[in-house]
Amino acid sequence: MKFNFYIGSVAASWMLAVLVVAAELYAPFKSSLASAFMHHWVGKLVLVSLVFFATAYVYRNKTEILGVADGRVGWFSVLGSLAAILLFYVVEFVM
């Protein structure tokens, strides 16, 4: 079975960033993840994994996104989502 891991990583990295911010800002969401999956991080892992594999499979034959190579978009998306999570924690808990 063929997958496009770069496009899967694009969707999964941004999904993780959204889940992290949503869980920190809205406590009932974090609680629902914990109650459904035994811990909120396990819930995030399951959801992000589903998004990764579904997107990687659906877009398995795609080689670029808006004219940019999928590998390049994948790397920048992962770095961008990590920066977004870090920036959120700095703004929310340090400042």
Protein backbone atom coordinates (compact mmCIF):
# COMPACT_ATOMS: atom_id res chain seq x y z
CA MET A 1 0.00 0.00 0.00
CA LYS A 2 1.37 3.37 -1.01
CA PHE A 3 1.31 6.43 1.26
CA ASN A 4 2.44 10.03 0.90
CA PHE A 5 4.07 10.53 4.28
CA TYR A 6 4.84 14.19 3.64
CA ILE A 7 1.22 15.18 3.08
CA GLY A 8 0.20 12.99 6.00
CA SER A 9 2.67 14.87 8.19
CA VAL A 10 1.24 18.21 7.04
CA ALA A 11 -2.27 17.27 8.18
CA ALA A 12 -1.11 15.51 11.34
CA SER A 13 1.20 18.30 12.51
CA TRP A 14 -1.47 20.97 12.18
CA MET A 15 -4.06 18.69 13.75
CA LEU A 16 -1.76 18.23 16.74
CA ALA A 17 -1.26 21.98 17.08
CA VAL A 18 -5.03 22.56 17.03
CA LEU A 19 -5.66 19.77 19.55
CA VAL A 20 -2.98 21.04 21.95
CA VAL A 21 -4.29 24.60 21.91
CA ALA A 22 -7.94 23.52 22.12
CA ALA A 23 -7.27 21.17 25.04
CA GLU A 24 -5.43 23.86 26.98
CA LEU A 25 -8.02 26.56 26.37
CA TYR A 26 -11.18 24.46 26.79
CA ALA A 27 -11.00 22.14 29.82
CA PRO A 28 -14.09 20.05 28.91
CA PHE A 29 -12.41 19.06 25.64
CA LYS A 30 -9.31 17.93 27.52
CA SER A 31 -11.50 15.99 29.96
CA SER A 32 -13.40 14.31 27.15
CA LEU A 33 -10.15 13.20 25.53
CA ALA A 34 -9.00 11.80 28.87
CA SER A 35 -12.26 9.98 29.55
CA ALA A 36 -12.44 8.49 26.04
CA PHE A 37 -8.80 7.42 25.78
CA MET A 38 -7.61 7.12 29.42
CA HIS A 39 -5.34 10.19 29.04
CA HIS A 40 -5.62 13.33 26.93
CA TRP A 41 -2.28 12.70 25.22
CA VAL A 42 -3.35 9.18 24.23
CA GLY A 43 -6.47 10.73 22.72
CA LYS A 44 -4.38 13.21 20.77
CA LEU A 45 -2.14 10.37 19.57
CA VAL A 46 -5.10 8.36 18.30
CA LEU A 47 -6.72 11.31 16.53
CA VAL A 48 -3.48 12.56 14.98
CA SER A 49 -2.57 9.03 13.84
CA LEU A 50 -5.96 8.60 12.17
CA VAL A 51 -5.58 11.93 10.38
CA PHE A 52 -2.01 11.08 9.34
CA PHE A 53 -2.82 7.69 7.83
CA ALA A 54 -6.09 8.78 6.21
CA THR A 55 -4.53 11.85 4.59
CA ALA A 56 -1.38 9.99 3.57
CA TYR A 57 -3.49 7.34 1.87
CA VAL A 58 -6.02 9.66 0.21
CA TYR A 59 -3.26 11.85 -1.26
CA ARG A 60 -0.85 8.99 -2.01
CA ASN A 61 -0.37 10.03 -5.66
CA LYS A 62 0.03 13.76 -5.05
CA THR A 63 3.57 15.14 -5.33
CA GLU A 64 3.02 18.84 -4.67
CA ILE A 65 0.76 21.26 -2.83
CA LEU A 66 -0.02 24.51 -4.64
CA GLY A 67 3.03 24.05 -6.85
CA VAL A 68 5.44 23.37 -3.97
CA ALA A 69 7.06 19.95 -3.51
CA ASP A 70 5.29 17.87 -0.88
CA GLY A 71 8.51 17.21 1.03
CA ARG A 72 9.20 20.90 1.42
CA VAL A 73 5.64 21.61 2.56
CA GLY A 74 5.84 18.70 4.99
CA TRP A 75 9.00 19.93 6.68
CA PHE A 76 7.80 23.51 6.94
CA SER A 77 4.43 22.38 8.30
CA VAL A 78 6.02 20.29 11.03
CA LEU A 79 8.36 23.12 12.01
CA GLY A 80 5.53 25.67 11.81
CA SER A 81 3.20 23.64 14.00
CA LEU A 82 5.94 23.09 16.58
CA ALA A 83 6.62 26.84 16.57
CA ALA A 84 2.88 27.53 16.98
CA ILE A 85 2.67 25.18 19.98
CA LEU A 86 5.76 26.72 21.56
CA LEU A 87 4.49 30.24 20.96
CA PHE A 88 1.13 29.32 22.48
CA TYR A 89 2.76 27.98 25.65
CA VAL A 90 5.06 31.00 25.95
CA VAL A 91 2.17 33.44 25.57
CA GLU A 92 -0.23 31.45 27.74
CA PHE A 93 2.02 30.43 30.64
CA VAL A 94 5.07 32.70 30.67
CA MET A 95 3.71 36.13 29.83
